[in-house]
Amino acid sequence: MTVDRADRVHSKLADGLGAGLDVADLAESWDLQLVRWLAEATEAGLAEPNGMVLATVDLDGAPSTRSVLCKGVEPRGIVFYTNYTSAKSRDLRSNQRASVTFPWYAMHRQVNIRGTVERVSRAETAAYWATRARGSQLGAWASPQSVVLSSRQALDDALAAITRRFADSAEVPVPPHWGGWMLRPDRAEFWQGRPNRMHDRLAFDRGNDQTTWRVHRLAP
């Protein structure tokens, strides 16, 4: 990073606390506002600006959280990809409600989104799969995500076997057990840190008719 670039990043981060957020500052929809803040987090040089913490609940009511990467934002919802046999996917099949948080600590910002989940189409999954590095594609085939392993060697051996399997293939196909989930929001809250913990919290809430959105200011 150049000195000029570093100065711009540090200035942007320093300006985060106290900058404020009002209704007039928001984009016209939750997805456009999220895209705006994602772009600003990227410009500020934050590591993994599209990283988000996904919260799910299993059949017994036990919550789980883990970090995943947001790979799509559109008016319908936000998209991430994973193994459909993983613990998170089992939770999402048993309880179709979930939430995510984008934790941009350095900018004194976070976005909290909650709603219902559904699988994305195989066509959408295939389009994203084609953009992944070959190593990541092979890893998706090799790892039985969330399954107990006997050793690290077992995982390395599985990757070696998959690498041999597709050695002569120009393209690695999408595994049948892998794909995308979309979280369709009924609330999207944008949180901006302010001095003395008097933070700004503005939430887009879906109306009862499921087609209109209202914006509310919440107490910090």
C-alpha atoms as a PDB file:
ATOM      1  CA  MET A   1       0.000   0.000   0.000  1.00  0.00           C
ATOM      2  CA  THR A   2       1.409   3.407  -0.951  1.00  0.00           C
ATOM      3  CA  VAL A   3       1.792   6.216   1.592  1.00  0.00           C
ATOM      4  CA  ASP A   4      -0.994   8.212  -0.104  1.00  0.00           C
ATOM      5  CA  ARG A   5      -3.296   5.179  -0.106  1.00  0.00           C
ATOM      6  CA  ALA A   6      -2.536   4.459   3.560  1.00  0.00           C
ATOM      7  CA  ASP A   7      -3.285   8.077   4.484  1.00  0.00           C
ATOM      8  CA  ARG A   8      -6.652   7.928   2.715  1.00  0.00           C
ATOM      9  CA  VAL A   9      -7.569   4.666   4.435  1.00  0.00           C
ATOM     10  CA  HIS A  10      -6.554   5.915   7.882  1.00  0.00           C
ATOM     11  CA  SER A  11      -8.489   9.133   7.322  1.00  0.00           C
ATOM     12  CA  LYS A  12     -11.614   7.234   6.316  1.00  0.00           C
ATOM     13  CA  LEU A  13     -11.398   4.967   9.349  1.00  0.00           C
ATOM     14  CA  ALA A  14     -10.801   7.894  11.679  1.00  0.00           C
ATOM     15  CA  ASP A  15     -13.832   9.674  10.249  1.00  0.00           C
ATOM     16  CA  GLY A  16     -16.084   6.683  10.912  1.00  0.00           C
ATOM     17  CA  LEU A  17     -16.877   7.441  14.545  1.00  0.00           C
ATOM     18  CA  GLY A  18     -19.062  10.495  14.770  1.00  0.00           C
ATOM     19  CA  ALA A  19     -19.837  10.724  11.042  1.00  0.00           C
ATOM     20  CA  GLY A  20     -23.490   9.995  11.760  1.00  0.00           C
ATOM     21  CA  LEU A  21     -26.249   8.346   9.750  1.00  0.00           C
ATOM     22  CA  ASP A  22     -29.674   9.836   9.098  1.00  0.00           C
ATOM     23  CA  VAL A  23     -32.645   8.703   7.042  1.00  0.00           C
ATOM     24  CA  ALA A  24     -31.762  11.241   4.361  1.00  0.00           C
ATOM     25  CA  ASP A  25     -28.338   9.593   4.022  1.00  0.00           C
ATOM     26  CA  LEU A  26     -29.769   6.189   3.133  1.00  0.00           C
ATOM     27  CA  ALA A  27     -30.062   4.773  -0.360  1.00  0.00           C
ATOM     28  CA  GLU A  28     -33.598   4.128  -1.594  1.00  0.00           C
ATOM     29  CA  SER A  29     -33.486   0.433  -0.686  1.00  0.00           C
ATOM     30  CA  TRP A  30     -31.712  -1.844   1.770  1.00  0.00           C
ATOM     31  CA  ASP A  31     -29.750  -3.641  -0.967  1.00  0.00           C
ATOM     32  CA  LEU A  32     -28.432  -0.415  -2.518  1.00  0.00           C
ATOM     33  CA  GLN A  33     -27.414   0.820   0.940  1.00  0.00           C
ATOM     34  CA  LEU A  34     -25.583  -2.451   1.604  1.00  0.00           C
ATOM     35  CA  VAL A  35     -23.817  -2.245  -1.758  1.00  0.00           C
ATOM     36  CA  ARG A  36     -22.779   1.326  -0.909  1.00  0.00           C
ATOM     37  CA  TRP A  37     -21.319   0.368   2.467  1.00  0.00           C
ATOM     38  CA  LEU A  38     -19.615  -2.712   1.001  1.00  0.00           C
ATOM     39  CA  ALA A  39     -17.944  -0.481  -1.562  1.00  0.00           C
ATOM     40  CA  GLU A  40     -16.808   1.946   1.138  1.00  0.00           C
ATOM     41  CA  ALA A  41     -15.432  -0.900   3.280  1.00  0.00           C
ATOM     42  CA  THR A  42     -13.543  -2.192   0.250  1.00  0.00           C
ATOM     43  CA  GLU A  43     -12.193   1.267  -0.573  1.00  0.00           C
ATOM     44  CA  ALA A  44     -11.058   1.683   3.033  1.00  0.00           C
ATOM     45  CA  GLY A  45      -8.883  -1.388   2.670  1.00  0.00           C
ATOM     46  CA  LEU A  46     -10.648  -3.605   5.217  1.00  0.00           C
ATOM     47  CA  ALA A  47      -9.722  -7.282   5.033  1.00  0.00           C
ATOM     48  CA  GLU A  48     -12.566  -9.457   3.690  1.00  0.00           C
ATOM     49  CA  PRO A  49     -15.108  -6.625   3.551  1.00  0.00           C
ATOM     50  CA  ASN A  50     -17.738  -9.119   2.328  1.00  0.00           C
ATOM     51  CA  GLY A  51     -17.187 -11.361   5.353  1.00  0.00           C
ATOM     52  CA  MET A  52     -20.300 -11.820   7.481  1.00  0.00           C
ATOM     53  CA  VAL A  53     -21.256 -13.824  10.564  1.00  0.00           C
ATOM     54  CA  LEU A  54     -24.100 -16.237   9.839  1.00  0.00           C
ATOM     55  CA  ALA A  55     -26.334 -17.311  12.742  1.00  0.00           C
ATOM     56  CA  THR A  56     -28.513 -20.423  12.527  1.00  0.00           C
ATOM     57  CA  VAL A  57     -30.539 -22.556  14.938  1.00  0.00           C
ATOM     58  CA  ASP A  58     -30.801 -26.354  14.881  1.00  0.00           C
ATOM     59  CA  LEU A  59     -33.808 -28.584  15.605  1.00  0.00           C
ATOM     60  CA  ASP A  60     -33.027 -28.543  19.347  1.00  0.00           C
ATOM     61  CA  GLY A  61     -32.909 -24.747  19.430  1.00  0.00           C
ATOM     62  CA  ALA A  62     -29.112 -24.587  19.794  1.00  0.00           C
ATOM     63  CA  PRO A  63     -27.658 -21.531  18.023  1.00  0.00           C
ATOM     64  CA  SER A  64     -24.481 -21.560  15.955  1.00  0.00           C
ATOM     65  CA  THR A  65     -22.469 -18.788  14.316  1.00  0.00           C
ATOM     66  CA  ARG A  66     -19.704 -18.860  11.743  1.00  0.00           C
ATOM     67  CA  SER A  67     -18.120 -16.535   9.209  1.00  0.00           C
ATOM     68  CA  VAL A  68     -19.049 -16.871   5.544  1.00  0.00           C
ATOM     69  CA  LEU A  69     -18.523 -14.662   2.496  1.00  0.00           C
ATOM     70  CA  CYS A  70     -21.312 -12.708   0.872  1.00  0.00           C
ATOM     71  CA  LYS A  71     -21.155 -13.476  -2.849  1.00  0.00           C
ATOM     72  CA  GLY A  72     -24.168 -11.574  -4.095  1.00  0.00           C
ATOM     73  CA  VAL A  73     -26.461  -8.688  -3.164  1.00  0.00           C
ATOM     74  CA  GLU A  74     -29.715  -8.040  -5.024  1.00  0.00           C
ATOM     75  CA  PRO A  75     -33.208  -6.814  -4.177  1.00  0.00           C
ATOM     76  CA  ARG A  76     -34.316 -10.395  -3.409  1.00  0.00           C
ATOM     77  CA  GLY A  77     -31.583 -11.001  -0.854  1.00  0.00           C
ATOM     78  CA  ILE A  78     -27.935 -11.830  -0.193  1.00  0.00           C
ATOM     79  CA  VAL A  79     -26.194 -15.007  -1.331  1.00  0.00           C
ATOM     80  CA  PHE A  80     -23.465 -17.225   0.087  1.00  0.00           C
ATOM     81  CA  TYR A  81     -22.212 -20.664  -0.951  1.00  0.00           C
ATOM     82  CA  THR A  82     -21.427 -23.786   1.030  1.00  0.00           C
ATOM     83  CA  ASN A  83     -21.657 -27.558   1.236  1.00  0.00           C
ATOM     84  CA  TYR A  84     -25.325 -28.616   1.422  1.00  0.00           C
ATOM     85  CA  THR A  85     -24.396 -31.433   3.841  1.00  0.00           C
ATOM     86  CA  SER A  86     -22.638 -29.081   6.287  1.00  0.00           C
ATOM     87  CA  ALA A  87     -23.878 -28.250   9.775  1.00  0.00           C
ATOM     88  CA  LYS A  88     -25.037 -24.801   8.637  1.00  0.00           C
ATOM     89  CA  SER A  89     -27.045 -26.294   5.774  1.00  0.00           C
ATOM     90  CA  ARG A  90     -28.641 -28.849   8.092  1.00  0.00           C
ATOM     91  CA  ASP A  91     -29.682 -25.990  10.365  1.00  0.00           C
ATOM     92  CA  LEU A  92     -31.070 -23.997   7.435  1.00  0.00           C
ATOM     93  CA  ARG A  93     -33.106 -26.939   6.209  1.00  0.00           C
ATOM     94  CA  SER A  94     -34.637 -27.523   9.651  1.00  0.00           C
ATOM     95  CA  ASN A  95     -35.215 -23.833  10.438  1.00  0.00           C
ATOM     96  CA  GLN A  96     -35.472 -21.548   7.422  1.00  0.00           C
ATOM     97  CA  ARG A  97     -34.860 -18.386   9.447  1.00  0.00           C
ATOM     98  CA  ALA A  98     -31.362 -16.960   9.871  1.00  0.00           C
ATOM     99  CA  SER A  99     -29.436 -13.742  10.349  1.00  0.00           C
ATOM    100  CA  VAL A 100     -26.093 -12.307   9.266  1.00  0.00           C
ATOM    101  CA  THR A 101     -23.903  -9.487  10.558  1.00  0.00           C
ATOM    102  CA  PHE A 102     -21.256  -7.601   8.596  1.00  0.00           C
ATOM    103  CA  PRO A 103     -18.780  -6.507  11.346  1.00  0.00           C
ATOM    104  CA  TRP A 104     -16.814  -3.531  10.033  1.00  0.00           C
ATOM    105  CA  TYR A 105     -15.225  -2.676  13.394  1.00  0.00           C
ATOM    106  CA  ALA A 106     -12.539  -0.371  11.999  1.00  0.00           C
ATOM    107  CA  MET A 107     -15.214   1.841  10.420  1.00  0.00           C
ATOM    108  CA  HIS A 108     -17.480   1.714  13.501  1.00  0.00           C
ATOM    109  CA  ARG A 109     -20.166   0.133  11.353  1.00  0.00           C
ATOM    110  CA  GLN A 110     -22.176  -3.035  11.197  1.00  0.00           C
ATOM    111  CA  VAL A 111     -25.117  -4.293   9.167  1.00  0.00           C
ATOM    112  CA  ASN A 112     -27.539  -6.832  10.650  1.00  0.00           C
ATOM    113  CA  ILE A 113     -29.883  -8.685   8.307  1.00  0.00           C
ATOM    114  CA  ARG A 114     -32.480 -11.295   9.243  1.00  0.00           C
ATOM    115  CA  GLY A 115     -35.042 -13.194   7.246  1.00  0.00           C
ATOM    116  CA  THR A 116     -35.807 -16.515   5.595  1.00  0.00           C
ATOM    117  CA  VAL A 117     -33.519 -18.669   3.484  1.00  0.00           C
ATOM    118  CA  GLU A 118     -33.881 -20.668   0.295  1.00  0.00           C
ATOM    119  CA  ARG A 119     -31.522 -22.424  -2.066  1.00  0.00           C
ATOM    120  CA  VAL A 120     -30.428 -20.582  -5.170  1.00  0.00           C
ATOM    121  CA  SER A 121     -30.952 -22.239  -8.554  1.00  0.00           C
ATOM    122  CA  ARG A 122     -28.413 -24.663  -9.961  1.00  0.00           C
ATOM    123  CA  ALA A 123     -27.868 -22.219 -12.824  1.00  0.00           C
ATOM    124  CA  GLU A 124     -26.892 -19.474 -10.367  1.00  0.00           C
ATOM    125  CA  THR A 125     -24.627 -21.885  -8.515  1.00  0.00           C
ATOM    126  CA  ALA A 126     -22.947 -22.981 -11.754  1.00  0.00           C
ATOM    127  CA  ALA A 127     -22.338 -19.374 -12.802  1.00  0.00           C
ATOM    128  CA  TYR A 128     -20.609 -18.589  -9.507  1.00  0.00           C
ATOM    129  CA  TRP A 129     -18.728 -21.923  -9.468  1.00  0.00           C
ATOM    130  CA  ALA A 130     -17.105 -21.025 -12.788  1.00  0.00           C
ATOM    131  CA  THR A 131     -15.489 -17.971 -11.161  1.00  0.00           C
ATOM    132  CA  ARG A 132     -13.820 -19.962  -8.360  1.00  0.00           C
ATOM    133  CA  ALA A 133     -10.160 -20.917  -8.404  1.00  0.00           C
ATOM    134  CA  ARG A 134      -9.527 -24.540  -9.365  1.00  0.00           C
ATOM    135  CA  GLY A 135      -8.020 -25.251  -5.956  1.00  0.00           C
ATOM    136  CA  SER A 136     -11.196 -24.055  -4.240  1.00  0.00           C
ATOM    137  CA  GLN A 137     -13.279 -26.196  -6.583  1.00  0.00           C
ATOM    138  CA  LEU A 138     -11.237 -29.291  -5.750  1.00  0.00           C
ATOM    139  CA  GLY A 139     -11.491 -28.503  -2.047  1.00  0.00           C
ATOM    140  CA  ALA A 140     -15.288 -28.377  -2.264  1.00  0.00           C
ATOM    141  CA  TRP A 141     -15.256 -31.916  -3.686  1.00  0.00           C
ATOM    142  CA  ALA A 142     -12.728 -33.227  -1.179  1.00  0.00           C
ATOM    143  CA  SER A 143     -14.021 -31.896   2.142  1.00  0.00           C
ATOM    144  CA  PRO A 144     -16.993 -33.623   3.816  1.00  0.00           C
ATOM    145  CA  GLN A 145     -17.719 -30.379   5.647  1.00  0.00           C
ATOM    146  CA  SER A 146     -18.544 -30.661   9.379  1.00  0.00           C
ATOM    147  CA  VAL A 147     -17.849 -34.435   9.447  1.00  0.00           C
ATOM    148  CA  VAL A 148     -15.474 -35.710  12.166  1.00  0.00           C
ATOM    149  CA  LEU A 149     -12.100 -36.691  10.646  1.00  0.00           C
ATOM    150  CA  SER A 150      -9.649 -39.285  11.895  1.00  0.00           C
ATOM    151  CA  SER A 151      -6.689 -37.044  11.088  1.00  0.00           C
ATOM    152  CA  ARG A 152      -5.421 -34.175   8.952  1.00  0.00           C
ATOM    153  CA  GLN A 153      -3.854 -36.817   6.716  1.00  0.00           C
ATOM    154  CA  ALA A 154      -7.316 -38.143   5.873  1.00  0.00           C
ATOM    155  CA  LEU A 155      -8.283 -34.706   4.546  1.00  0.00           C
ATOM    156  CA  ASP A 156      -5.037 -34.335   2.594  1.00  0.00           C
ATOM    157  CA  ASP A 157      -5.523 -37.803   1.109  1.00  0.00           C
ATOM    158  CA  ALA A 158      -9.060 -36.908   0.036  1.00  0.00           C
ATOM    159  CA  LEU A 159      -7.803 -33.788  -1.741  1.00  0.00           C
ATOM    160  CA  ALA A 160      -5.041 -35.773  -3.449  1.00  0.00           C
ATOM    161  CA  ALA A 161      -7.581 -38.325  -4.668  1.00  0.00           C
ATOM    162  CA  ILE A 162      -9.889 -35.643  -6.043  1.00  0.00           C
ATOM    163  CA  THR A 163      -6.967 -33.879  -7.716  1.00  0.00           C
ATOM    164  CA  ARG A 164      -6.091 -37.142  -9.509  1.00  0.00           C
ATOM    165  CA  ARG A 165      -9.736 -37.730 -10.425  1.00  0.00           C
ATOM    166  CA  PHE A 166     -10.018 -34.431 -12.297  1.00  0.00           C
ATOM    167  CA  ALA A 167      -6.398 -34.202 -13.460  1.00  0.00           C
ATOM    168  CA  ASP A 168      -7.361 -34.658 -17.117  1.00  0.00           C
ATOM    169  CA  SER A 169     -10.458 -32.442 -16.950  1.00  0.00           C
ATOM    170  CA  ALA A 170     -10.197 -28.874 -18.196  1.00  0.00           C
ATOM    171  CA  GLU A 171     -13.108 -27.915 -15.964  1.00  0.00           C
ATOM    172  CA  VAL A 172     -14.124 -29.225 -12.559  1.00  0.00           C
ATOM    173  CA  PRO A 173     -17.909 -29.806 -12.390  1.00  0.00           C
ATOM    174  CA  VAL A 174     -20.086 -28.465  -9.584  1.00  0.00           C
ATOM    175  CA  PRO A 175     -20.484 -31.082  -6.827  1.00  0.00           C
ATOM    176  CA  PRO A 176     -24.112 -32.185  -6.390  1.00  0.00           C
ATOM    177  CA  HIS A 177     -23.777 -31.494  -2.649  1.00  0.00           C
ATOM    178  CA  TRP A 178     -22.608 -27.892  -3.054  1.00  0.00           C
ATOM    179  CA  GLY A 179     -24.438 -24.670  -3.844  1.00  0.00           C
ATOM    180  CA  GLY A 180     -25.833 -21.352  -2.761  1.00  0.00           C
ATOM    181  CA  TRP A 181     -28.252 -20.112  -0.133  1.00  0.00           C
ATOM    182  CA  MET A 182     -30.112 -16.823  -0.347  1.00  0.00           C
ATOM    183  CA  LEU A 183     -31.176 -14.922   2.769  1.00  0.00           C
ATOM    184  CA  ARG A 184     -34.314 -12.937   1.918  1.00  0.00           C
ATOM    185  CA  PRO A 185     -34.537 -10.104   4.476  1.00  0.00           C
ATOM    186  CA  ASP A 186     -37.532  -8.941   6.423  1.00  0.00           C
ATOM    187  CA  ARG A 187     -35.252  -6.519   8.300  1.00  0.00           C
ATOM    188  CA  ALA A 188     -31.922  -4.894   7.418  1.00  0.00           C
ATOM    189  CA  GLU A 189     -30.400  -2.665  10.083  1.00  0.00           C
ATOM    190  CA  PHE A 190     -27.540  -0.247   9.416  1.00  0.00           C
ATOM    191  CA  TRP A 191     -25.541   0.679  12.511  1.00  0.00           C
ATOM    192  CA  GLN A 192     -23.137   3.613  12.644  1.00  0.00           C
ATOM    193  CA  GLY A 193     -21.025   4.204  15.741  1.00  0.00           C
ATOM    194  CA  ARG A 194     -21.203   7.602  17.448  1.00  0.00           C
ATOM    195  CA  PRO A 195     -19.426   9.092  20.504  1.00  0.00           C
ATOM    196  CA  ASN A 196     -20.677   8.264  24.016  1.00  0.00           C
ATOM    197  CA  ARG A 197     -22.415   5.150  22.655  1.00  0.00           C
ATOM    198  CA  MET A 198     -25.169   7.291  21.154  1.00  0.00           C
ATOM    199  CA  HIS A 199     -25.029   5.270  17.971  1.00  0.00           C
ATOM    200  CA  ASP A 200     -27.239   5.610  14.891  1.00  0.00           C
ATOM    201  CA  ARG A 201     -29.405   2.588  14.088  1.00  0.00           C
ATOM    202  CA  LEU A 202     -31.628   2.736  11.015  1.00  0.00           C
ATOM    203  CA  ALA A 203     -33.630  -0.314   9.981  1.00  0.00           C
ATOM    204  CA  PHE A 204     -35.473  -1.190   6.795  1.00  0.00           C
ATOM    205  CA  ASP A 205     -38.505  -3.283   7.799  1.00  0.00           C
ATOM    206  CA  ARG A 206     -40.700  -5.180   5.348  1.00  0.00           C
ATOM    207  CA  GLY A 207     -44.378  -4.244   5.651  1.00  0.00           C
ATOM    208  CA  ASN A 208     -47.225  -6.678   6.230  1.00  0.00           C
ATOM    209  CA  ASP A 209     -47.973  -6.711   2.519  1.00  0.00           C
ATOM    210  CA  GLN A 210     -44.427  -8.086   1.952  1.00  0.00           C
ATOM    211  CA  THR A 211     -43.857  -5.597  -0.888  1.00  0.00           C
ATOM    212  CA  THR A 212     -43.196  -2.271   0.823  1.00  0.00           C
ATOM    213  CA  TRP A 213     -40.389  -1.270   3.150  1.00  0.00           C
ATOM    214  CA  ARG A 214     -40.390   1.232   6.001  1.00  0.00           C
ATOM    215  CA  VAL A 215     -37.386   2.812   7.693  1.00  0.00           C
ATOM    216  CA  HIS A 216     -37.274   3.151  11.479  1.00  0.00           C
ATOM    217  CA  ARG A 217     -34.725   4.762  13.782  1.00  0.00           C
ATOM    218  CA  LEU A 218     -33.904   2.577  16.786  1.00  0.00           C
ATOM    219  CA  ALA A 219     -32.448   3.632  20.118  1.00  0.00           C
ATOM    220  CA  PRO A 220     -28.812   2.564  20.560  1.00  0.00           C
END
